[in-house]
Amino acid sequence: MNVDEISRLIGLMDDSSLAELQWTHEGERLLLKKQGPAPAMVVAAPMPVGAAPTPPQVQASAPPPVVPVPAAPSVETDLVEVRSPMVGTFYRSASPDTAPYVEEGGRVEKGRTICIVEAMKLMNEIESEVTGTVVKICVQNESPVEFGTVLFLVRTT
């Protein structure tokens, strides 16, 4: 999620009656909360007979700044997240009629091509930065990915 998307969500929240919004997607978490108006302090004072009461003045405070909540750290310390180095479309194989570069449970070597991210009609081969076993493929084939999206979890050995 980028800054423009977060700003858009803040604007939508300001225009709605939502008090809280929590968003989670592929390891990213965002929590937005509206701070309600400050409680009014009412002091009882004698009112002249026949006078109509006036409502207390309430001053609204600014909403708190939005801070993205980092994803919880992995319990397993030997897992490495292979992240997308760019925005584009994720492909598990070189073409639709060829086998995927890697499968879950498969072994990868440092420097070996593990997927392709297409960006602006250019096919960018993404190489593994570690040697190990693919524990999880985190993205569906032909899905759009953002910079930093976790593509694979690899257990180093």
C-alpha atoms as a PDB file:
ATOM      1  CA  MET A   1       0.000   0.000   0.000  1.00  0.00           C
ATOM      2  CA  ASN A   2       1.444   3.348  -0.982  1.00  0.00           C
ATOM      3  CA  VAL A   3       1.050   6.849   0.456  1.00  0.00           C
ATOM      4  CA  ASP A   4      -1.581   7.878  -2.119  1.00  0.00           C
ATOM      5  CA  GLU A   5      -3.765   4.897  -1.235  1.00  0.00           C
ATOM      6  CA  ILE A   6      -3.426   5.636   2.493  1.00  0.00           C
ATOM      7  CA  SER A   7      -4.305   9.308   1.894  1.00  0.00           C
ATOM      8  CA  ARG A   8      -7.358   8.240  -0.109  1.00  0.00           C
ATOM      9  CA  LEU A   9      -8.503   5.973   2.753  1.00  0.00           C
ATOM     10  CA  ILE A  10      -8.069   8.819   5.245  1.00  0.00           C
ATOM     11  CA  GLY A  11     -10.224  11.073   3.054  1.00  0.00           C
ATOM     12  CA  LEU A  12     -12.916   8.408   2.748  1.00  0.00           C
ATOM     13  CA  MET A  13     -12.899   7.926   6.531  1.00  0.00           C
ATOM     14  CA  ASP A  14     -13.204  11.677   7.126  1.00  0.00           C
ATOM     15  CA  ASP A  15     -16.289  11.779   4.891  1.00  0.00           C
ATOM     16  CA  SER A  16     -17.928   8.771   6.540  1.00  0.00           C
ATOM     17  CA  SER A  17     -19.244   7.844   9.952  1.00  0.00           C
ATOM     18  CA  LEU A  18     -16.643   5.079  10.362  1.00  0.00           C
ATOM     19  CA  ALA A  19     -14.706   5.332  13.605  1.00  0.00           C
ATOM     20  CA  GLU A  20     -12.118   2.657  12.832  1.00  0.00           C
ATOM     21  CA  LEU A  21     -10.754   0.885   9.746  1.00  0.00           C
ATOM     22  CA  GLN A  22      -8.380  -2.074   9.802  1.00  0.00           C
ATOM     23  CA  TRP A  23      -6.831  -3.349   6.558  1.00  0.00           C
ATOM     24  CA  THR A  24      -4.647  -6.458   6.214  1.00  0.00           C
ATOM     25  CA  HIS A  25      -3.241  -7.800   2.941  1.00  0.00           C
ATOM     26  CA  GLU A  26      -0.256 -10.053   2.247  1.00  0.00           C
ATOM     27  CA  GLY A  27       1.533  -9.275   5.484  1.00  0.00           C
ATOM     28  CA  GLU A  28       0.792  -5.544   5.491  1.00  0.00           C
ATOM     29  CA  ARG A  29      -1.449  -4.112   8.215  1.00  0.00           C
ATOM     30  CA  LEU A  30      -2.961  -0.660   8.498  1.00  0.00           C
ATOM     31  CA  LEU A  31      -5.145   0.586  11.352  1.00  0.00           C
ATOM     32  CA  LEU A  32      -6.936   3.925  11.077  1.00  0.00           C
ATOM     33  CA  LYS A  33      -8.940   5.305  14.009  1.00  0.00           C
ATOM     34  CA  LYS A  34     -10.924   8.493  14.190  1.00  0.00           C
ATOM     35  CA  GLN A  35     -10.561  10.368  17.405  1.00  0.00           C
ATOM     36  CA  GLY A  36     -13.992  11.458  18.565  1.00  0.00           C
ATOM     37  CA  PRO A  37     -14.652  15.032  19.616  1.00  0.00           C
ATOM     38  CA  ALA A  38     -13.244  16.029  22.971  1.00  0.00           C
ATOM     39  CA  PRO A  39     -15.756  15.516  25.772  1.00  0.00           C
ATOM     40  CA  ALA A  40     -17.566  18.693  26.677  1.00  0.00           C
ATOM     41  CA  MET A  41     -17.084  19.985  30.161  1.00  0.00           C
ATOM     42  CA  VAL A  42     -20.348  21.345  31.485  1.00  0.00           C
ATOM     43  CA  VAL A  43     -20.336  23.532  34.553  1.00  0.00           C
ATOM     44  CA  ALA A  44     -23.672  24.111  36.236  1.00  0.00           C
ATOM     45  CA  ALA A  45     -24.451  27.762  36.706  1.00  0.00           C
ATOM     46  CA  PRO A  46     -27.629  29.427  37.829  1.00  0.00           C
ATOM     47  CA  MET A  47     -29.825  30.326  34.880  1.00  0.00           C
ATOM     48  CA  PRO A  48     -32.114  33.325  34.906  1.00  0.00           C
ATOM     49  CA  VAL A  49     -35.799  32.440  35.028  1.00  0.00           C
ATOM     50  CA  GLY A  50     -37.294  32.119  31.552  1.00  0.00           C
ATOM     51  CA  ALA A  51     -33.925  31.917  29.741  1.00  0.00           C
ATOM     52  CA  ALA A  52     -33.457  29.147  27.188  1.00  0.00           C
ATOM     53  CA  PRO A  53     -30.462  26.867  27.722  1.00  0.00           C
ATOM     54  CA  THR A  54     -27.665  27.091  25.152  1.00  0.00           C
ATOM     55  CA  PRO A  55     -25.805  23.972  24.094  1.00  0.00           C
ATOM     56  CA  PRO A  56     -22.196  23.734  25.274  1.00  0.00           C
ATOM     57  CA  GLN A  57     -19.515  24.528  22.723  1.00  0.00           C
ATOM     58  CA  VAL A  58     -17.460  21.490  21.726  1.00  0.00           C
ATOM     59  CA  GLN A  59     -14.172  21.880  19.948  1.00  0.00           C
ATOM     60  CA  ALA A  60     -13.152  18.929  17.774  1.00  0.00           C
ATOM     61  CA  SER A  61      -9.521  17.932  17.866  1.00  0.00           C
ATOM     62  CA  ALA A  62      -7.482  16.879  14.854  1.00  0.00           C
ATOM     63  CA  PRO A  63      -7.410  13.152  14.074  1.00  0.00           C
ATOM     64  CA  PRO A  64      -4.256  11.340  15.174  1.00  0.00           C
ATOM     65  CA  PRO A  65      -1.570  10.753  12.558  1.00  0.00           C
ATOM     66  CA  VAL A  66      -1.832   7.511  10.592  1.00  0.00           C
ATOM     67  CA  VAL A  67       0.991   5.097  11.319  1.00  0.00           C
ATOM     68  CA  PRO A  68       1.171   1.788   9.410  1.00  0.00           C
ATOM     69  CA  VAL A  69       1.378  -1.147  11.796  1.00  0.00           C
ATOM     70  CA  PRO A  70       4.317  -3.403  10.908  1.00  0.00           C
ATOM     71  CA  ALA A  71       3.593  -7.066  10.280  1.00  0.00           C
ATOM     72  CA  ALA A  72       4.333  -9.398  13.181  1.00  0.00           C
ATOM     73  CA  PRO A  73       7.825 -10.876  12.945  1.00  0.00           C
ATOM     74  CA  SER A  74       8.103 -14.451  11.791  1.00  0.00           C
ATOM     75  CA  VAL A  75       8.473 -16.998  14.564  1.00  0.00           C
ATOM     76  CA  GLU A  76      10.865 -19.011  12.439  1.00  0.00           C
ATOM     77  CA  THR A  77      14.136 -17.119  12.150  1.00  0.00           C
ATOM     78  CA  ASP A  78      15.468 -19.239   9.282  1.00  0.00           C
ATOM     79  CA  LEU A  79      12.726 -18.012   6.884  1.00  0.00           C
ATOM     80  CA  VAL A  80      13.717 -15.381   4.340  1.00  0.00           C
ATOM     81  CA  GLU A  81      11.111 -13.261   2.555  1.00  0.00           C
ATOM     82  CA  VAL A  82      11.848 -12.866  -1.153  1.00  0.00           C
ATOM     83  CA  ARG A  83      10.230  -9.537  -2.074  1.00  0.00           C
ATOM     84  CA  SER A  84       9.331  -7.940  -5.381  1.00  0.00           C
ATOM     85  CA  PRO A  85      11.913  -5.347  -6.401  1.00  0.00           C
ATOM     86  CA  MET A  86       9.337  -3.491  -8.530  1.00  0.00           C
ATOM     87  CA  VAL A  87       5.692  -2.926  -9.371  1.00  0.00           C
ATOM     88  CA  GLY A  88       4.367  -5.247 -12.056  1.00  0.00           C
ATOM     89  CA  THR A  89       2.687  -8.574 -12.808  1.00  0.00           C
ATOM     90  CA  PHE A  90       3.989 -11.765 -11.158  1.00  0.00           C
ATOM     91  CA  TYR A  91       4.552 -14.873 -13.302  1.00  0.00           C
ATOM     92  CA  ARG A  92       5.697 -18.253 -11.962  1.00  0.00           C
ATOM     93  CA  SER A  93       6.978 -19.459 -15.360  1.00  0.00           C
ATOM     94  CA  ALA A  94       8.512 -18.083 -18.550  1.00  0.00           C
ATOM     95  CA  SER A  95       5.338 -18.818 -20.554  1.00  0.00           C
ATOM     96  CA  PRO A  96       1.907 -20.330 -19.929  1.00  0.00           C
ATOM     97  CA  ASP A  97       2.945 -23.684 -21.441  1.00  0.00           C
ATOM     98  CA  THR A  98       6.167 -24.157 -19.431  1.00  0.00           C
ATOM     99  CA  ALA A  99       6.675 -25.472 -15.903  1.00  0.00           C
ATOM    100  CA  PRO A 100       6.966 -22.995 -13.013  1.00  0.00           C
ATOM    101  CA  TYR A 101      10.486 -21.999 -12.001  1.00  0.00           C
ATOM    102  CA  VAL A 102       9.913 -23.249  -8.439  1.00  0.00           C
ATOM    103  CA  GLU A 103       7.300 -25.167  -6.444  1.00  0.00           C
ATOM    104  CA  GLU A 104       6.554 -25.182  -2.723  1.00  0.00           C
ATOM    105  CA  GLY A 105       8.949 -27.665  -1.136  1.00  0.00           C
ATOM    106  CA  GLY A 106      11.395 -27.233  -4.022  1.00  0.00           C
ATOM    107  CA  ARG A 107      15.030 -26.295  -3.610  1.00  0.00           C
ATOM    108  CA  VAL A 108      16.434 -22.975  -4.861  1.00  0.00           C
ATOM    109  CA  GLU A 109      20.022 -21.881  -5.262  1.00  0.00           C
ATOM    110  CA  LYS A 110      21.306 -18.336  -4.856  1.00  0.00           C
ATOM    111  CA  GLY A 111      21.263 -16.609  -8.265  1.00  0.00           C
ATOM    112  CA  ARG A 112      18.696 -18.999  -9.793  1.00  0.00           C
ATOM    113  CA  THR A 113      15.647 -17.448 -11.511  1.00  0.00           C
ATOM    114  CA  ILE A 114      12.562 -18.081  -9.385  1.00  0.00           C
ATOM    115  CA  CYS A 115       9.904 -15.950 -11.149  1.00  0.00           C
ATOM    116  CA  ILE A 116       9.278 -13.089 -13.559  1.00  0.00           C
ATOM    117  CA  VAL A 117       7.821  -9.666 -12.792  1.00  0.00           C
ATOM    118  CA  GLU A 118       6.565  -7.922 -15.916  1.00  0.00           C
ATOM    119  CA  ALA A 119       6.855  -4.150 -15.744  1.00  0.00           C
ATOM    120  CA  MET A 120       5.970  -1.926 -18.675  1.00  0.00           C
ATOM    121  CA  LYS A 121       6.088  -4.858 -21.141  1.00  0.00           C
ATOM    122  CA  LEU A 122       9.557  -5.881 -19.936  1.00  0.00           C
ATOM    123  CA  MET A 123       9.980  -9.367 -18.468  1.00  0.00           C
ATOM    124  CA  ASN A 124      12.293  -9.054 -15.451  1.00  0.00           C
ATOM    125  CA  GLU A 125      13.716 -12.334 -14.167  1.00  0.00           C
ATOM    126  CA  ILE A 126      13.855 -12.333 -10.370  1.00  0.00           C
ATOM    127  CA  GLU A 127      16.701 -14.374  -8.913  1.00  0.00           C
ATOM    128  CA  SER A 128      16.860 -15.966  -5.481  1.00  0.00           C
ATOM    129  CA  GLU A 129      19.103 -14.125  -3.058  1.00  0.00           C
ATOM    130  CA  VAL A 130      19.467 -17.210  -0.849  1.00  0.00           C
ATOM    131  CA  THR A 131      19.910 -20.974  -1.083  1.00  0.00           C
ATOM    132  CA  GLY A 132      17.184 -23.008   0.568  1.00  0.00           C
ATOM    133  CA  THR A 133      13.754 -24.610   0.303  1.00  0.00           C
ATOM    134  CA  VAL A 134      10.616 -22.765  -0.844  1.00  0.00           C
ATOM    135  CA  VAL A 135       8.189 -22.960   2.072  1.00  0.00           C
ATOM    136  CA  LYS A 136       5.421 -20.849   0.572  1.00  0.00           C
ATOM    137  CA  ILE A 137       4.548 -19.101  -2.675  1.00  0.00           C
ATOM    138  CA  CYS A 138       2.757 -15.998  -1.423  1.00  0.00           C
ATOM    139  CA  VAL A 139       1.357 -14.602  -4.698  1.00  0.00           C
ATOM    140  CA  GLN A 140      -1.006 -16.091  -7.276  1.00  0.00           C
ATOM    141  CA  ASN A 141       0.297 -16.452 -10.845  1.00  0.00           C
ATOM    142  CA  GLU A 142      -0.501 -13.420 -13.047  1.00  0.00           C
ATOM    143  CA  SER A 143      -1.311 -11.245 -10.005  1.00  0.00           C
ATOM    144  CA  PRO A 144      -0.263  -7.605  -9.765  1.00  0.00           C
ATOM    145  CA  VAL A 145       2.466  -6.930  -7.197  1.00  0.00           C
ATOM    146  CA  GLU A 146       3.770  -3.772  -5.562  1.00  0.00           C
ATOM    147  CA  PHE A 147       7.336  -2.920  -4.663  1.00  0.00           C
ATOM    148  CA  GLY A 148       8.181  -4.936  -1.536  1.00  0.00           C
ATOM    149  CA  THR A 149       5.378  -7.502  -1.885  1.00  0.00           C
ATOM    150  CA  VAL A 150       6.482 -10.827  -0.375  1.00  0.00           C
ATOM    151  CA  LEU A 151       6.650 -13.318  -3.256  1.00  0.00           C
ATOM    152  CA  PHE A 152       8.159 -16.372  -1.557  1.00  0.00           C
ATOM    153  CA  LEU A 153       9.165 -17.611   1.883  1.00  0.00           C
ATOM    154  CA  VAL A 154      12.407 -19.585   1.714  1.00  0.00           C
ATOM    155  CA  ARG A 155      13.887 -21.617   4.556  1.00  0.00           C
ATOM    156  CA  THR A 156      17.651 -21.214   4.442  1.00  0.00           C
ATOM    157  CA  THR A 157      19.787 -24.293   4.996  1.00  0.00           C
END
